[in-house]
Amino acid sequence: MRTYSNSAAEHQKFLNAQRKVRKIRGFYIHSAVYVLVNCTIIFGNLYENAANLFNFDTYATAFFWGIGLLAHGLSVFGADRIFSKAWEERKMQEYLKK
């Protein structure tokens, strides 16, 4: 693996970018497994008995795992948007004014 660092700051930027890309890749893998497993479960239940279409048990795994997937997505993508560096700076300035 090549590193593009001429200084400690650039090396730290590289490591942060590498960590972020790994988190994104992990989320994409998690999403793909979620879709594959839940499609298998749902279609398997519907194949056994078409009456399962309106049964919550058919979708329970997808529902609860979906909550976990949403939390994973927010941890990967949402944290930067909600608690960005600009937000930190605004909050610090707000408290310094008090």
N, C-alpha and C. Protein backbone atom coordinates (compact mmCIF):
# COMPACT_ATOMS: atom_id res chain seq x y z
N MET A 1 0.84 -1.16 0.00
CA MET A 1 0.00 0.00 0.00
C MET A 1 0.89 1.23 0.00
N ARG A 2 0.56 2.19 -0.88
CA ARG A 2 1.34 3.42 -0.96
C ARG A 2 0.75 4.46 -0.03
N THR A 3 1.62 5.23 0.57
CA THR A 3 1.16 6.38 1.35
C THR A 3 1.65 7.63 0.64
N TYR A 4 0.83 8.67 0.69
CA TYR A 4 1.15 9.92 0.02
C TYR A 4 1.44 11.00 1.05
N SER A 5 2.34 10.74 1.95
CA SER A 5 2.56 11.72 3.02
C SER A 5 3.96 12.29 2.96
N ASN A 6 4.00 13.60 3.06
CA ASN A 6 5.28 14.30 3.16
C ASN A 6 5.48 14.81 4.57
N SER A 7 4.42 14.77 5.35
CA SER A 7 4.51 15.27 6.71
C SER A 7 3.59 14.44 7.60
N ALA A 8 3.71 14.67 8.89
CA ALA A 8 2.87 13.94 9.84
C ALA A 8 1.41 14.29 9.65
N ALA A 9 1.10 15.54 9.33
CA ALA A 9 -0.28 15.97 9.13
C ALA A 9 -0.89 15.29 7.91
N GLU A 10 -0.11 15.21 6.83
CA GLU A 10 -0.60 14.55 5.63
C GLU A 10 -0.79 13.06 5.88
N HIS A 11 0.12 12.47 6.63
CA HIS A 11 -0.01 11.05 6.96
C HIS A 11 -1.27 10.81 7.79
N GLN A 12 -1.55 11.70 8.72
CA GLN A 12 -2.76 11.57 9.54
C GLN A 12 -4.01 11.71 8.67
N LYS A 13 -3.99 12.63 7.70
CA LYS A 13 -5.11 12.78 6.78
C LYS A 13 -5.33 11.49 5.99
N PHE A 14 -4.21 10.91 5.55
CA PHE A 14 -4.29 9.65 4.81
C PHE A 14 -4.92 8.56 5.66
N LEU A 15 -4.47 8.43 6.91
CA LEU A 15 -5.02 7.41 7.80
C LEU A 15 -6.50 7.64 8.08
N ASN A 16 -6.91 8.91 8.27
CA ASN A 16 -8.32 9.22 8.48
C ASN A 16 -9.16 8.86 7.26
N ALA A 17 -8.65 9.17 6.08
CA ALA A 17 -9.37 8.83 4.85
C ALA A 17 -9.48 7.33 4.69
N GLN A 18 -8.41 6.63 5.01
CA GLN A 18 -8.41 5.17 4.92
C GLN A 18 -9.45 4.58 5.87
N ARG A 19 -9.51 5.09 7.11
CA ARG A 19 -10.50 4.63 8.08
C ARG A 19 -11.92 4.87 7.59
N LYS A 20 -12.15 6.06 7.03
CA LYS A 20 -13.48 6.42 6.52
C LYS A 20 -13.90 5.49 5.39
N VAL A 21 -12.99 5.20 4.48
CA VAL A 21 -13.30 4.32 3.36
C VAL A 21 -13.61 2.91 3.86
N ARG A 22 -12.89 2.45 4.86
CA ARG A 22 -13.16 1.12 5.43
C ARG A 22 -14.54 1.08 6.09
N LYS A 23 -14.91 2.16 6.77
CA LYS A 23 -16.24 2.22 7.39
C LYS A 23 -17.33 2.20 6.32
N ILE A 24 -17.13 2.94 5.24
CA ILE A 24 -18.11 2.97 4.16
C ILE A 24 -18.22 1.59 3.52
N ARG A 25 -17.08 0.96 3.27
CA ARG A 25 -17.09 -0.39 2.69
C ARG A 25 -17.82 -1.36 3.61
N GLY A 26 -17.58 -1.26 4.91
CA GLY A 26 -18.27 -2.12 5.87
C GLY A 26 -19.77 -1.92 5.84
N PHE A 27 -20.20 -0.66 5.68
CA PHE A 27 -21.63 -0.38 5.59
C PHE A 27 -22.23 -1.00 4.32
N TYR A 28 -21.52 -0.87 3.20
CA TYR A 28 -22.01 -1.44 1.94
C TYR A 28 -22.11 -2.97 2.03
N ILE A 29 -21.13 -3.60 2.64
CA ILE A 29 -21.19 -5.05 2.81
C ILE A 29 -22.36 -5.43 3.71
N HIS A 30 -22.54 -4.70 4.81
CA HIS A 30 -23.66 -4.93 5.73
C HIS A 30 -24.99 -4.79 4.98
N SER A 31 -25.10 -3.77 4.13
CA SER A 31 -26.33 -3.55 3.36
C SER A 31 -26.60 -4.70 2.40
N ALA A 32 -25.57 -5.16 1.72
CA ALA A 32 -25.73 -6.25 0.77
C ALA A 32 -26.17 -7.54 1.48
N VAL A 33 -25.55 -7.84 2.60
CA VAL A 33 -25.93 -9.03 3.36
C VAL A 33 -27.36 -8.90 3.87
N TYR A 34 -27.73 -7.70 4.32
CA TYR A 34 -29.10 -7.44 4.78
C TYR A 34 -30.11 -7.77 3.68
N VAL A 35 -29.87 -7.26 2.48
CA VAL A 35 -30.80 -7.48 1.37
C VAL A 35 -30.87 -8.96 1.02
N LEU A 36 -29.74 -9.61 0.87
CA LEU A 36 -29.72 -11.02 0.48
C LEU A 36 -30.41 -11.91 1.52
N VAL A 37 -30.06 -11.75 2.77
CA VAL A 37 -30.63 -12.60 3.82
C VAL A 37 -32.12 -12.35 3.97
N ASN A 38 -32.53 -11.09 4.00
CA ASN A 38 -33.94 -10.80 4.21
C ASN A 38 -34.80 -11.16 3.01
N CYS A 39 -34.29 -11.02 1.80
CA CYS A 39 -35.03 -11.50 0.63
C CYS A 39 -35.23 -13.01 0.70
N THR A 40 -34.19 -13.71 1.11
CA THR A 40 -34.29 -15.16 1.25
C THR A 40 -35.34 -15.54 2.29
N ILE A 41 -35.31 -14.88 3.44
CA ILE A 41 -36.28 -15.17 4.50
C ILE A 41 -37.70 -14.85 4.05
N ILE A 42 -37.89 -13.67 3.50
CA ILE A 42 -39.24 -13.25 3.12
C ILE A 42 -39.79 -14.12 1.99
N PHE A 43 -39.02 -14.32 0.94
CA PHE A 43 -39.51 -15.15 -0.16
C PHE A 43 -39.69 -16.60 0.26
N GLY A 44 -38.82 -17.08 1.17
CA GLY A 44 -38.99 -18.44 1.69
C GLY A 44 -40.28 -18.59 2.47
N ASN A 45 -40.58 -17.62 3.31
CA ASN A 45 -41.84 -17.66 4.07
C ASN A 45 -43.05 -17.56 3.15
N LEU A 46 -42.98 -16.73 2.13
CA LEU A 46 -44.10 -16.59 1.20
C LEU A 46 -44.25 -17.83 0.33
N TYR A 47 -43.14 -18.48 0.01
CA TYR A 47 -43.20 -19.71 -0.78
C TYR A 47 -43.88 -20.83 0.00
N GLU A 48 -43.58 -20.90 1.31
CA GLU A 48 -44.20 -21.92 2.16
C GLU A 48 -45.70 -21.72 2.26
N ASN A 49 -46.11 -20.46 2.42
CA ASN A 49 -47.52 -20.19 2.63
C ASN A 49 -47.78 -18.74 2.22
N ALA A 50 -48.58 -18.55 1.19
CA ALA A 50 -48.87 -17.20 0.70
C ALA A 50 -49.59 -16.37 1.75
N ALA A 51 -50.23 -17.01 2.72
CA ALA A 51 -50.93 -16.27 3.79
C ALA A 51 -49.94 -15.53 4.67
N ASN A 52 -48.65 -15.89 4.61
CA ASN A 52 -47.62 -15.20 5.40
C ASN A 52 -47.38 -13.78 4.92
N LEU A 53 -48.01 -13.40 3.81
CA LEU A 53 -47.82 -12.06 3.26
C LEU A 53 -48.18 -10.98 4.29
N PHE A 54 -49.21 -11.23 5.07
CA PHE A 54 -49.68 -10.24 6.04
C PHE A 54 -49.29 -10.58 7.47
N ASN A 55 -48.31 -11.44 7.63
CA ASN A 55 -47.86 -11.87 8.95
C ASN A 55 -46.59 -11.09 9.31
N PHE A 56 -46.59 -10.44 10.49
CA PHE A 56 -45.42 -9.65 10.90
C PHE A 56 -44.17 -10.51 11.04
N ASP A 57 -44.34 -11.77 11.43
CA ASP A 57 -43.18 -12.66 11.58
C ASP A 57 -42.37 -12.77 10.29
N THR A 58 -43.05 -12.61 9.16
CA THR A 58 -42.37 -12.67 7.87
C THR A 58 -41.37 -11.52 7.72
N TYR A 59 -41.70 -10.38 8.29
CA TYR A 59 -40.89 -9.17 8.11
C TYR A 59 -40.14 -8.74 9.37
N ALA A 60 -40.30 -9.47 10.45
CA ALA A 60 -39.70 -9.06 11.73
C ALA A 60 -38.18 -8.94 11.65
N THR A 61 -37.54 -9.91 11.04
CA THR A 61 -36.08 -9.87 10.93
C THR A 61 -35.64 -8.64 10.14
N ALA A 62 -36.31 -8.40 9.02
CA ALA A 62 -35.95 -7.24 8.20
C ALA A 62 -36.19 -5.94 8.97
N PHE A 63 -37.26 -5.89 9.72
CA PHE A 63 -37.60 -4.67 10.47
C PHE A 63 -36.55 -4.36 11.53
N PHE A 64 -36.28 -5.34 12.40
CA PHE A 64 -35.34 -5.09 13.50
C PHE A 64 -33.90 -4.96 13.02
N TRP A 65 -33.52 -5.76 12.05
CA TRP A 65 -32.19 -5.64 11.49
C TRP A 65 -32.07 -4.31 10.75
N GLY A 66 -33.16 -3.85 10.14
CA GLY A 66 -33.18 -2.56 9.45
C GLY A 66 -32.88 -1.42 10.41
N ILE A 67 -33.38 -1.52 11.64
CA ILE A 67 -33.07 -0.50 12.64
C ILE A 67 -31.57 -0.48 12.91
N GLY A 68 -30.98 -1.66 13.02
CA GLY A 68 -29.53 -1.74 13.21
C GLY A 68 -28.76 -1.21 12.01
N LEU A 69 -29.25 -1.51 10.82
CA LEU A 69 -28.60 -1.02 9.60
C LEU A 69 -28.70 0.50 9.51
N LEU A 70 -29.84 1.05 9.90
CA LEU A 70 -30.00 2.50 9.93
C LEU A 70 -29.01 3.14 10.90
N ALA A 71 -28.86 2.54 12.08
CA ALA A 71 -27.89 3.06 13.05
C ALA A 71 -26.48 2.98 12.50
N HIS A 72 -26.17 1.89 11.82
CA HIS A 72 -24.84 1.75 11.21
C HIS A 72 -24.63 2.85 10.17
N GLY A 73 -25.63 3.07 9.33
CA GLY A 73 -25.53 4.11 8.31
C GLY A 73 -25.34 5.50 8.91
N LEU A 74 -26.08 5.78 9.98
CA LEU A 74 -25.93 7.08 10.64
C LEU A 74 -24.54 7.23 11.25
N SER A 75 -24.01 6.14 11.78
CA SER A 75 -22.66 6.23 12.37
C SER A 75 -21.60 6.46 11.30
N VAL A 76 -21.84 5.96 10.10
CA VAL A 76 -20.87 6.12 9.02
C VAL A 76 -21.04 7.46 8.29
N PHE A 77 -22.29 7.81 7.96
CA PHE A 77 -22.53 8.99 7.13
C PHE A 77 -23.09 10.18 7.90
N GLY A 78 -23.87 9.92 8.92
CA GLY A 78 -24.58 11.00 9.60
C GLY A 78 -23.74 11.79 10.57
N ALA A 79 -22.78 11.17 11.21
CA ALA A 79 -22.00 11.85 12.23
C ALA A 79 -21.26 13.06 11.66
N ASP A 80 -20.75 12.93 10.46
CA ASP A 80 -20.02 14.04 9.84
C ASP A 80 -20.94 15.21 9.51
N ARG A 81 -22.16 14.90 9.15
CA ARG A 81 -23.09 15.96 8.77
C ARG A 81 -23.68 16.64 10.00
N ILE A 82 -23.98 15.86 11.02
CA ILE A 82 -24.62 16.42 12.21
C ILE A 82 -23.59 17.12 13.09
N PHE A 83 -22.48 16.46 13.35
CA PHE A 83 -21.47 17.01 14.25
C PHE A 83 -20.18 17.29 13.49
N SER A 84 -20.27 18.13 12.49
CA SER A 84 -19.11 18.45 11.65
C SER A 84 -18.17 19.41 12.37
N LYS A 85 -17.04 19.66 11.78
CA LYS A 85 -16.08 20.62 12.33
C LYS A 85 -16.69 22.01 12.40
N ALA A 86 -17.49 22.37 11.39
CA ALA A 86 -18.14 23.69 11.40
C ALA A 86 -19.10 23.80 12.58
N TRP A 87 -19.82 22.72 12.86
CA TRP A 87 -20.73 22.72 14.00
C TRP A 87 -19.94 22.89 15.30
N GLU A 88 -18.83 22.19 15.42
CA GLU A 88 -17.98 22.31 16.61
C GLU A 88 -17.51 23.74 16.80
N GLU A 89 -17.08 24.35 15.71
CA GLU A 89 -16.60 25.74 15.79
C GLU A 89 -17.71 26.69 16.22
N ARG A 90 -18.91 26.54 15.65
CA ARG A 90 -20.04 27.39 16.03
C ARG A 90 -20.38 27.22 17.50
N LYS A 91 -20.40 25.98 17.98
CA LYS A 91 -20.70 25.73 19.38
C LYS A 91 -19.63 26.32 20.30
N MET A 92 -18.36 26.20 19.92
CA MET A 92 -17.30 26.76 20.73
C MET A 92 -17.43 28.27 20.81
N GLN A 93 -17.71 28.89 19.68
CA GLN A 93 -17.89 30.34 19.67
C GLN A 93 -19.09 30.76 20.51
N GLU A 94 -20.13 29.95 20.44
CA GLU A 94 -21.34 30.24 21.24
C GLU A 94 -21.02 30.20 22.73
N TYR A 95 -20.27 29.21 23.17
CA TYR A 95 -19.93 29.10 24.59
C TYR A 95 -18.88 30.13 25.01
N LEU A 96 -18.01 30.50 24.10
CA LEU A 96 -17.02 31.52 24.43
C LEU A 96 -17.67 32.89 24.61
N LYS A 97 -18.75 33.14 23.92
CA LYS A 97 -19.48 34.42 24.04
C LYS A 97 -20.21 34.53 25.37
N LYS A 98 -20.54 33.40 25.98
CA LYS A 98 -21.30 33.42 27.23
C LYS A 98 -20.44 33.83 28.40
